[in-house]
Structure formats: structure tokens, C-alpha cells
């Protein structure tokens, strides 16, 4: 029988009381949280990336919430992201038909996240974007940002928010095109390349 050496703090694994919370891995993630697009929809895009802390380390326990309009720019007004069985209360999953525009994705052990959604349409004077809400350990208040997809450079140049940012800061809000309808968007909480976060008043 092997014994674990616990005579010093370096030998004791951390417990929740040793780690800065809050913790979001319990009850909030749900199966299919990143499968926002209806199955087989032609405007489906895949977004993926990593969440990094201020020292460039990936966060394995962050939650990324996405909110986006339909390809025609309208905001979905339908239920169906987290359906429950009325008799058992169990999770039924999405119905695979309705587009709610909303998803919640937990990062994996490597800090990676991905979602399948519909390419958003533009609304008003802004270029098309997805709204992001980020929850992570050490953040007592969640953070807001945006994901703009490349493709319409004129719209990106004219966007009121992007136009106010220096080029290097602006680039933290624009996903990189990976081809075949895939886009890379990393979120950096602090330090070099820190993502632009928004404050709502």
C-alpha cells in the first residue's frame, strides 16, 4: 500500500478552500451547451479558442456564454436552450430546430472551449458580432466582451466600438478565420494581448 506524503504544504493537493472561487463547474454547464445552431443549418459556424489568465495559463474551469442574433440580424424570441422533462425534471436537451441564439460552454482541462452557432447578422450601425459573458475563478464580477467575425472589412472599419480602439486592442475582438467556417477567438484576462472588456452602466 502506497502512502501519500502530507508532511508539508507542497505535498497536499489543493482543496476548494485553498483556491480562489467562485466555482462554476457544478450545475451551470449542461450537455450540448455549445450546440446553438440547429442541426444541418447552412449558416453554421464553429467558434473555438482558449481562456487564459494574466500569466498566460489556460483556465480549466471558466464558463463562456454566447448571445447572438440570427443571420438576418433579428434577436431570437424562442425558448428551448435548456429544456426539462416536466414529469422528472431531467434535462431533455435542445430540440435541434429552434435557434435561441444562446449557449453556455465550460472550458475543458486545457482551457479550451468551442461552440457551433449561426453566423450573426448586423444590427443597427454595428458590424455583426456575438456578445460574450465570461465567468471564471478569481472573478467576483463576470466580464463582457464581443466576438466580431472577419469578412466584411468595411463594416468592421465603420463599427462605432471598433473605430474607437487602437489597432492592437481592436484585434482582440476580431476572431481569426480558420477556413471552412471555423474561427479562433482566445480570451485573455490580463497582461499582454488582454481582451477588450466592456462595462455597462
Protein backbone atom coordinates (compact mmCIF):
# COMPACT_ATOMS: atom_id res chain seq x y z
CA UNK A 1 0.00 0.00 0.00
CA UNK A 2 1.37 3.40 -1.00
CA UNK A 3 1.06 6.29 1.43
CA UNK A 4 0.79 9.90 0.32
CA UNK A 5 3.34 12.16 1.96
CA UNK A 6 1.47 15.07 3.57
CA UNK A 7 4.11 16.43 5.94
CA UNK A 8 4.48 19.71 4.04
CA UNK A 9 2.20 22.10 2.11
CA UNK A 10 3.84 21.17 -1.21
CA UNK A 11 2.64 17.60 -0.82
CA UNK A 12 -1.03 18.31 -0.10
CA UNK A 13 -3.33 18.74 -3.12
CA UNK A 14 -5.39 21.97 -3.06
CA UNK A 15 -8.98 21.87 -1.88
CA UNK A 16 -11.70 24.43 -2.71
CA UNK A 17 -10.83 26.32 0.49
CA UNK A 18 -7.29 26.81 -0.86
CA UNK A 19 -8.43 28.03 -4.26
CA UNK A 20 -9.90 31.39 -5.22
CA UNK A 21 -13.52 30.87 -6.31
CA UNK A 22 -16.23 31.16 -7.29
CA UNK A 23 -16.64 27.72 -8.88
CA UNK A 24 -18.92 27.33 -11.89
CA UNK A 25 -18.46 23.69 -12.82
CA UNK A 26 -21.40 22.43 -10.77
CA UNK A 27 -24.99 22.71 -12.10
CA UNK A 28 -24.34 25.54 -14.59
CA UNK A 29 -22.81 23.65 -17.55
CA UNK A 30 -25.29 21.49 -19.44
CA UNK A 31 -24.94 18.88 -22.21
CA UNK A 32 -24.99 20.45 -25.65
CA UNK A 33 -24.45 23.95 -24.27
CA UNK A 34 -22.30 24.88 -27.26
CA UNK A 35 -24.58 23.32 -29.89
CA UNK A 36 -26.50 26.53 -30.58
CA UNK A 37 -27.10 26.14 -34.33
CA UNK A 38 -29.93 23.87 -35.48
CA UNK A 39 -28.60 20.61 -36.88
CA UNK A 40 -27.55 20.93 -40.53
CA UNK A 41 -28.20 24.69 -40.84
CA UNK A 42 -26.23 26.13 -43.80
CA UNK A 43 -25.11 29.26 -41.89
CA UNK A 44 -23.45 27.30 -39.08
CA UNK A 45 -20.02 28.47 -37.95
CA UNK A 46 -17.73 26.92 -35.35
CA UNK A 47 -16.03 29.18 -32.83
CA UNK A 48 -13.21 27.87 -30.67
CA UNK A 49 -10.43 29.19 -28.51
CA UNK A 50 -8.83 29.29 -25.08
CA UNK A 51 -9.33 31.33 -21.92
CA UNK A 52 -6.02 32.48 -20.38
CA UNK A 53 -5.22 34.12 -17.06
CA UNK A 54 -2.87 37.07 -16.59
CA UNK A 55 0.20 34.84 -16.70
CA UNK A 56 -0.84 33.13 -19.92
CA UNK A 57 -2.01 29.92 -18.25
CA UNK A 58 -5.22 28.31 -19.55
CA UNK A 59 -8.23 28.29 -17.21
CA UNK A 60 -9.83 24.84 -16.99
CA UNK A 61 -12.92 25.96 -15.10
CA UNK A 62 -14.23 29.06 -16.89
CA UNK A 63 -17.69 29.44 -18.41
CA UNK A 64 -18.22 31.22 -21.72
CA UNK A 65 -21.76 32.37 -22.53
CA UNK A 66 -22.60 33.46 -26.07
CA UNK A 67 -25.57 35.54 -27.20
CA UNK A 68 -26.10 36.25 -30.87
CA UNK A 69 -28.71 37.34 -33.41
CA UNK A 70 -29.90 35.23 -36.29
CA UNK A 71 -28.23 35.64 -39.72
CA UNK A 72 -30.88 38.25 -40.65
CA UNK A 73 -29.97 40.35 -37.59
CA UNK A 74 -33.14 39.62 -35.61
CA UNK A 75 -32.90 38.65 -31.94
CA UNK A 76 -34.40 35.19 -31.32
CA UNK A 77 -37.51 35.23 -29.13
CA UNK A 78 -37.91 31.48 -28.59
CA UNK A 79 -37.37 29.16 -25.64
CA UNK A 80 -35.55 25.88 -25.85
CA UNK A 81 -31.91 26.15 -24.78
CA UNK A 82 -32.33 24.15 -21.57
CA UNK A 83 -35.49 22.08 -21.90
CA UNK A 84 -36.61 19.99 -18.93
CA UNK A 85 -38.87 16.98 -18.70
CA UNK A 86 -41.96 18.28 -16.84
CA UNK A 87 -42.50 14.98 -15.03
CA UNK A 88 -38.93 14.13 -13.96
CA UNK A 89 -37.17 17.50 -14.15
CA UNK A 90 -34.40 15.80 -16.14
CA UNK A 91 -32.55 17.57 -18.91
CA UNK A 92 -34.01 16.94 -22.38
CA UNK A 93 -31.51 18.91 -24.42
CA UNK A 94 -32.16 21.30 -27.26
CA UNK A 95 -34.86 20.38 -29.73
CA UNK A 96 -32.41 20.74 -32.64
CA UNK A 97 -34.77 23.00 -34.58
CA UNK A 98 -35.22 26.31 -32.75
CA UNK A 99 -32.37 28.82 -32.78
CA UNK A 100 -32.27 30.58 -29.40
CA UNK A 101 -29.00 32.40 -30.04
CA UNK A 102 -27.70 31.46 -26.58
CA UNK A 103 -25.18 28.93 -25.34
CA UNK A 104 -23.06 28.19 -22.29
CA UNK A 105 -19.75 26.37 -22.62
CA UNK A 106 -17.34 25.25 -19.94
CA UNK A 107 -13.65 25.22 -20.79
CA UNK A 108 -12.00 21.81 -20.71
CA UNK A 109 -8.90 20.76 -18.74
CA UNK A 110 -6.74 22.66 -21.26
CA UNK A 111 -8.78 25.87 -21.06
CA UNK A 112 -10.32 25.23 -24.49
CA UNK A 113 -13.92 25.97 -25.49
CA UNK A 114 -15.92 25.64 -28.69
CA UNK A 115 -19.43 26.35 -29.94
CA UNK A 116 -21.43 25.81 -33.09
CA UNK A 117 -23.75 28.72 -33.82
CA UNK A 118 -25.17 30.69 -36.74
CA UNK A 119 -23.18 33.48 -38.31
CA UNK A 120 -24.76 36.60 -36.78
CA UNK A 121 -26.33 39.31 -38.89
CA UNK A 122 -25.64 43.01 -38.37
CA UNK A 123 -27.97 45.14 -36.28
CA UNK A 124 -28.22 48.93 -36.44
CA UNK A 125 -24.93 50.73 -37.15
CA UNK A 126 -22.73 47.98 -35.66
CA UNK A 127 -20.91 45.27 -37.56
CA UNK A 128 -22.21 41.78 -36.82
CA UNK A 129 -20.99 40.38 -33.50
CA UNK A 130 -21.70 37.86 -30.76
CA UNK A 131 -21.97 39.06 -27.18
CA UNK A 132 -19.83 37.17 -24.65
CA UNK A 133 -20.19 36.89 -20.90
CA UNK A 134 -17.27 35.26 -19.10
CA UNK A 135 -17.28 33.66 -15.65
CA UNK A 136 -14.05 32.37 -14.12
CA UNK A 137 -12.38 31.69 -10.80
CA UNK A 138 -10.96 34.82 -9.26
CA UNK A 139 -13.59 36.97 -10.99
CA UNK A 140 -16.15 38.14 -8.46
CA UNK A 141 -17.92 40.03 -11.25
CA UNK A 142 -18.37 38.46 -14.68
CA UNK A 143 -16.86 40.13 -17.74
CA UNK A 144 -18.45 41.19 -21.02
CA UNK A 145 -16.84 41.33 -24.44
CA UNK A 146 -17.71 40.77 -28.09
CA UNK A 147 -16.67 38.49 -30.91
CA UNK A 148 -16.65 40.07 -34.35
CA UNK A 149 -16.23 37.74 -37.32
CA UNK A 150 -13.99 38.80 -40.22
CA UNK A 151 -15.37 39.00 -43.73
CA UNK A 152 -16.98 42.43 -44.08
CA UNK A 153 -13.99 44.74 -43.58
CA UNK A 154 -15.97 47.89 -44.42
CA UNK A 155 -18.50 47.12 -41.68
CA UNK A 156 -15.72 46.37 -39.18
CA UNK A 157 -13.97 49.66 -40.00
CA UNK A 158 -17.23 51.60 -39.52
CA UNK A 159 -18.28 49.87 -36.28
CA UNK A 160 -18.63 52.53 -33.53
CA UNK A 161 -16.87 50.45 -30.86
CA UNK A 162 -14.03 49.13 -33.02
CA UNK A 163 -13.40 52.59 -34.50
CA UNK A 164 -12.56 53.94 -31.00
CA UNK A 165 -9.84 51.37 -30.33
CA UNK A 166 -6.17 51.28 -31.25
CA UNK A 167 -5.37 48.60 -33.84
CA UNK A 168 -3.76 46.17 -31.39
CA UNK A 169 -6.69 46.47 -28.96
CA UNK A 170 -9.22 46.22 -31.78
CA UNK A 171 -7.71 42.92 -32.91
CA UNK A 172 -8.54 41.31 -29.54
CA UNK A 173 -12.23 41.49 -30.50
CA UNK A 174 -11.97 40.04 -34.01
CA UNK A 175 -11.84 36.27 -34.41
CA UNK A 176 -9.29 34.74 -36.74
CA UNK A 177 -10.63 32.91 -39.78
CA UNK A 178 -9.53 29.27 -39.73
CA UNK A 179 -11.26 28.41 -43.02
CA UNK A 180 -14.23 26.11 -43.65
CA UNK A 181 -16.50 28.14 -41.36
CA UNK A 182 -14.23 27.91 -38.29
CA UNK A 183 -12.97 30.84 -36.24
CA UNK A 184 -10.46 31.15 -33.39
CA UNK A 185 -11.13 33.53 -30.51
CA UNK A 186 -8.95 33.48 -27.41
CA UNK A 187 -9.86 35.41 -24.27
CA UNK A 188 -7.00 36.85 -22.20
CA UNK A 189 -7.99 38.21 -18.80
CA UNK A 190 -4.91 40.38 -18.22
CA UNK A 191 -1.43 41.17 -19.44
CA UNK A 192 -0.10 41.28 -22.97
CA UNK A 193 -2.87 40.94 -25.52
CA UNK A 194 -5.59 41.43 -22.88
CA UNK A 195 -9.05 41.18 -24.42
CA UNK A 196 -11.09 44.37 -24.51
CA UNK A 197 -13.84 44.08 -21.91
CA UNK A 198 -16.95 46.23 -21.80
CA UNK A 199 -18.63 47.99 -18.92
CA UNK A 200 -22.38 48.56 -18.97
CA UNK A 201 -23.89 51.37 -16.92
